[in-house]
Amino acid sequence: MHRKNHERFKNDFGGNVFFIYSVKGSGKKKKIYNTDVIDKIIKEIDQLRH
């Protein structure tokens, strides 16, 4: 479903697209469900900077 847009983004900007999923936490706050993606995003940003 998103493949075409992700490919265009990668061609235009040279980086990958990541999804962050959230779930309802305590109260009204949401919590990131797939926290492992945060490290991947940080690594991707570092690679793009260099």
PDB file of N, CA and C in Angstrom:
ATOM      1  N   MET A   1       0.819  -1.189   0.000  1.00  0.00           N
ATOM      2  CA  MET A   1       0.000   0.000   0.000  1.00  0.00           C
ATOM      3  C   MET A   1       0.866   1.257   0.000  1.00  0.00           C
ATOM      4  N   HIS A   2       1.934   1.256   0.750  1.00  0.00           N
ATOM      5  CA  HIS A   2       2.786   2.446   0.852  1.00  0.00           C
ATOM      6  C   HIS A   2       4.066   2.328   0.021  1.00  0.00           C
ATOM      7  N   ARG A   3       4.253   1.203  -0.612  1.00  0.00           N
ATOM      8  CA  ARG A   3       5.523   0.924  -1.303  1.00  0.00           C
ATOM      9  C   ARG A   3       5.928   2.017  -2.285  1.00  0.00           C
ATOM     10  N   LYS A   4       4.994   2.464  -3.106  1.00  0.00           N
ATOM     11  CA  LYS A   4       5.308   3.465  -4.127  1.00  0.00           C
ATOM     12  C   LYS A   4       5.790   4.773  -3.495  1.00  0.00           C
ATOM     13  N   ASN A   5       5.094   5.229  -2.473  1.00  0.00           N
ATOM     14  CA  ASN A   5       5.488   6.476  -1.801  1.00  0.00           C
ATOM     15  C   ASN A   5       6.815   6.320  -1.073  1.00  0.00           C
ATOM     16  N   HIS A   6       7.058   5.157  -0.485  1.00  0.00           N
ATOM     17  CA  HIS A   6       8.324   4.928   0.214  1.00  0.00           C
ATOM     18  C   HIS A   6       9.487   4.913  -0.769  1.00  0.00           C
ATOM     19  N   GLU A   7       9.275   4.300  -1.923  1.00  0.00           N
ATOM     20  CA  GLU A   7      10.325   4.290  -2.946  1.00  0.00           C
ATOM     21  C   GLU A   7      10.615   5.699  -3.429  1.00  0.00           C
ATOM     22  N   ARG A   8       9.573   6.488  -3.618  1.00  0.00           N
ATOM     23  CA  ARG A   8       9.760   7.875  -4.061  1.00  0.00           C
ATOM     24  C   ARG A   8      10.517   8.675  -3.000  1.00  0.00           C
ATOM     25  N   PHE A   9      10.161   8.483  -1.736  1.00  0.00           N
ATOM     26  CA  PHE A   9      10.851   9.175  -0.650  1.00  0.00           C
ATOM     27  C   PHE A   9      12.326   8.794  -0.631  1.00  0.00           C
ATOM     28  N   LYS A  10      12.604   7.501  -0.750  1.00  0.00           N
ATOM     29  CA  LYS A  10      13.997   7.040  -0.727  1.00  0.00           C
ATOM     30  C   LYS A  10      14.778   7.616  -1.908  1.00  0.00           C
ATOM     31  N   ASN A  11      14.176   7.669  -3.082  1.00  0.00           N
ATOM     32  CA  ASN A  11      14.842   8.246  -4.251  1.00  0.00           C
ATOM     33  C   ASN A  11      15.072   9.744  -4.084  1.00  0.00           C
ATOM     34  N   ASP A  12      14.111  10.443  -3.511  1.00  0.00           N
ATOM     35  CA  ASP A  12      14.214  11.896  -3.362  1.00  0.00           C
ATOM     36  C   ASP A  12      15.168  12.305  -2.236  1.00  0.00           C
ATOM     37  N   PHE A  13      15.137  11.572  -1.119  1.00  0.00           N
ATOM     38  CA  PHE A  13      15.871  11.998   0.066  1.00  0.00           C
ATOM     39  C   PHE A  13      16.968  11.040   0.504  1.00  0.00           C
ATOM     40  N   GLY A  14      16.986   9.823  -0.038  1.00  0.00           N
ATOM     41  CA  GLY A  14      18.045   8.870   0.278  1.00  0.00           C
ATOM     42  C   GLY A  14      17.870   8.120   1.579  1.00  0.00           C
ATOM     43  N   GLY A  15      16.734   8.256   2.220  1.00  0.00           N
ATOM     44  CA  GLY A  15      16.515   7.593   3.503  1.00  0.00           C
ATOM     45  C   GLY A  15      15.322   6.674   3.492  1.00  0.00           C
ATOM     46  N   ASN A  16      15.259   5.814   4.477  1.00  0.00           N
ATOM     47  CA  ASN A  16      14.148   4.883   4.624  1.00  0.00           C
ATOM     48  C   ASN A  16      12.992   5.512   5.374  1.00  0.00           C
ATOM     49  N   VAL A  17      11.832   4.924   5.219  1.00  0.00           N
ATOM     50  CA  VAL A  17      10.624   5.346   5.919  1.00  0.00           C
ATOM     51  C   VAL A  17      10.362   4.343   7.037  1.00  0.00           C
ATOM     52  N   PHE A  18       9.986   4.844   8.189  1.00  0.00           N
ATOM     53  CA  PHE A  18       9.705   3.985   9.333  1.00  0.00           C
ATOM     54  C   PHE A  18       8.299   4.280   9.845  1.00  0.00           C
ATOM     55  N   PHE A  19       7.668   3.250  10.381  1.00  0.00           N
ATOM     56  CA  PHE A  19       6.362   3.408  11.012  1.00  0.00           C
ATOM     57  C   PHE A  19       6.527   3.346  12.518  1.00  0.00           C
ATOM     58  N   ILE A  20       5.871   4.250  13.206  1.00  0.00           N
ATOM     59  CA  ILE A  20       5.815   4.216  14.665  1.00  0.00           C
ATOM     60  C   ILE A  20       4.363   3.936  15.030  1.00  0.00           C
ATOM     61  N   TYR A  21       4.175   2.855  15.763  1.00  0.00           N
ATOM     62  CA  TYR A  21       2.835   2.467  16.196  1.00  0.00           C
ATOM     63  C   TYR A  21       2.667   2.834  17.654  1.00  0.00           C
ATOM     64  N   SER A  22       1.513   3.371  17.977  1.00  0.00           N
ATOM     65  CA  SER A  22       1.251   3.739  19.362  1.00  0.00           C
ATOM     66  C   SER A  22       0.035   2.976  19.878  1.00  0.00           C
ATOM     67  N   VAL A  23       0.034   2.775  21.175  1.00  0.00           N
ATOM     68  CA  VAL A  23      -1.087   2.125  21.847  1.00  0.00           C
ATOM     69  C   VAL A  23      -1.515   3.010  23.001  1.00  0.00           C
ATOM     70  N   LYS A  24      -2.731   2.828  23.420  1.00  0.00           N
ATOM     71  CA  LYS A  24      -3.235   3.621  24.524  1.00  0.00           C
ATOM     72  C   LYS A  24      -2.537   3.192  25.812  1.00  0.00           C
ATOM     73  N   GLY A  25      -1.930   4.152  26.475  1.00  0.00           N
ATOM     74  CA  GLY A  25      -1.257   3.893  27.742  1.00  0.00           C
ATOM     75  C   GLY A  25      -2.178   4.241  28.899  1.00  0.00           C
ATOM     76  N   SER A  26      -1.580   4.593  29.990  1.00  0.00           N
ATOM     77  CA  SER A  26      -2.380   4.982  31.147  1.00  0.00           C
ATOM     78  C   SER A  26      -2.962   6.380  30.923  1.00  0.00           C
ATOM     79  N   GLY A  27      -4.192   6.539  31.281  1.00  0.00           N
ATOM     80  CA  GLY A  27      -4.846   7.831  31.086  1.00  0.00           C
ATOM     81  C   GLY A  27      -5.075   8.105  29.617  1.00  0.00           C
ATOM     82  N   LYS A  28      -4.815   9.347  29.210  1.00  0.00           N
ATOM     83  CA  LYS A  28      -5.022   9.738  27.816  1.00  0.00           C
ATOM     84  C   LYS A  28      -3.741   9.663  26.998  1.00  0.00           C
ATOM     85  N   LYS A  29      -2.613   9.391  27.648  1.00  0.00           N
ATOM     86  CA  LYS A  29      -1.343   9.355  26.945  1.00  0.00           C
ATOM     87  C   LYS A  29      -1.211   8.092  26.111  1.00  0.00           C
ATOM     88  N   LYS A  30      -0.566   8.242  24.967  1.00  0.00           N
ATOM     89  CA  LYS A  30      -0.270   7.100  24.120  1.00  0.00           C
ATOM     90  C   LYS A  30       1.176   6.678  24.353  1.00  0.00           C
ATOM     91  N   LYS A  31       1.445   5.423  24.071  1.00  0.00           N
ATOM     92  CA  LYS A  31       2.768   4.860  24.293  1.00  0.00           C
ATOM     93  C   LYS A  31       3.243   4.237  22.980  1.00  0.00           C
ATOM     94  N   ILE A  32       4.521   4.422  22.659  1.00  0.00           N
ATOM     95  CA  ILE A  32       5.074   3.811  21.455  1.00  0.00           C
ATOM     96  C   ILE A  32       5.139   2.311  21.657  1.00  0.00           C
ATOM     97  N   TYR A  33       4.523   1.574  20.731  1.00  0.00           N
ATOM     98  CA  TYR A  33       4.457   0.119  20.832  1.00  0.00           C
ATOM     99  C   TYR A  33       5.741  -0.532  20.332  1.00  0.00           C
ATOM    100  N   ASN A  34       6.254  -0.078  19.203  1.00  0.00           N
ATOM    101  CA  ASN A  34       7.445  -0.666  18.598  1.00  0.00           C
ATOM    102  C   ASN A  34       8.676   0.201  18.884  1.00  0.00           C
ATOM    103  N   THR A  35       9.085   0.211  20.126  1.00  0.00           N
ATOM    104  CA  THR A  35      10.187   1.074  20.558  1.00  0.00           C
ATOM    105  C   THR A  35      11.503   0.745  19.862  1.00  0.00           C
ATOM    106  N   ASP A  36      11.652  -0.464  19.344  1.00  0.00           N
ATOM    107  CA  ASP A  36      12.889  -0.831  18.652  1.00  0.00           C
ATOM    108  C   ASP A  36      13.131   0.020  17.407  1.00  0.00           C
ATOM    109  N   VAL A  37      12.082   0.582  16.846  1.00  0.00           N
ATOM    110  CA  VAL A  37      12.225   1.394  15.646  1.00  0.00           C
ATOM    111  C   VAL A  37      12.950   2.713  15.941  1.00  0.00           C
ATOM    112  N   ILE A  38      12.920   3.161  17.170  1.00  0.00           N
ATOM    113  CA  ILE A  38      13.583   4.423  17.528  1.00  0.00           C
ATOM    114  C   ILE A  38      15.079   4.332  17.263  1.00  0.00           C
ATOM    115  N   ASP A  39      15.710   3.238  17.669  1.00  0.00           N
ATOM    116  CA  ASP A  39      17.142   3.054  17.406  1.00  0.00           C
ATOM    117  C   ASP A  39      17.431   3.002  15.907  1.00  0.00           C
ATOM    118  N   LYS A  40      16.543   2.377  15.147  1.00  0.00           N
ATOM    119  CA  LYS A  40      16.720   2.306  13.695  1.00  0.00           C
ATOM    120  C   LYS A  40      16.627   3.686  13.064  1.00  0.00           C
ATOM    121  N   ILE A  41      15.723   4.506  13.556  1.00  0.00           N
ATOM    122  CA  ILE A  41      15.568   5.864  13.044  1.00  0.00           C
ATOM    123  C   ILE A  41      16.811   6.696  13.361  1.00  0.00           C
ATOM    124  N   ILE A  42      17.319   6.569  14.566  1.00  0.00           N
ATOM    125  CA  ILE A  42      18.529   7.308  14.957  1.00  0.00           C
ATOM    126  C   ILE A  42      19.710   6.911  14.080  1.00  0.00           C
ATOM    127  N   LYS A  43      19.868   5.617  13.836  1.00  0.00           N
ATOM    128  CA  LYS A  43      20.956   5.141  12.973  1.00  0.00           C
ATOM    129  C   LYS A  43      20.794   5.672  11.549  1.00  0.00           C
ATOM    130  N   GLU A  44      19.585   5.679  11.066  1.00  0.00           N
ATOM    131  CA  GLU A  44      19.326   6.171   9.709  1.00  0.00           C
ATOM    132  C   GLU A  44      19.663   7.663   9.599  1.00  0.00           C
ATOM    133  N   ILE A  45      19.294   8.437  10.589  1.00  0.00           N
ATOM    134  CA  ILE A  45      19.607   9.868  10.578  1.00  0.00           C
ATOM    135  C   ILE A  45      21.117  10.086  10.610  1.00  0.00           C
ATOM    136  N   ASP A  46      21.811   9.320  11.438  1.00  0.00           N
ATOM    137  CA  ASP A  46      23.276   9.442  11.498  1.00  0.00           C
ATOM    138  C   ASP A  46      23.904   9.116  10.141  1.00  0.00           C
ATOM    139  N   GLN A  47      23.426   8.074   9.479  1.00  0.00           N
ATOM    140  CA  GLN A  47      23.964   7.700   8.172  1.00  0.00           C
ATOM    141  C   GLN A  47      23.689   8.777   7.140  1.00  0.00           C
ATOM    142  N   LEU A  48      22.534   9.380   7.199  1.00  0.00           N
ATOM    143  CA  LEU A  48      22.199  10.427   6.233  1.00  0.00           C
ATOM    144  C   LEU A  48      23.017  11.695   6.448  1.00  0.00           C
ATOM    145  N   ARG A  49      23.384  11.945   7.685  1.00  0.00           N
ATOM    146  CA  ARG A  49      24.197  13.134   7.989  1.00  0.00           C
ATOM    147  C   ARG A  49      25.624  12.999   7.477  1.00  0.00           C
ATOM    148  N   HIS A  50      26.108  11.779   7.394  1.00  0.00           N
ATOM    149  CA  HIS A  50      27.493  11.544   6.976  1.00  0.00           C
ATOM    150  C   HIS A  50      27.464  11.109   5.551  1.00  0.00           C
TER     151      HIS A  50
END
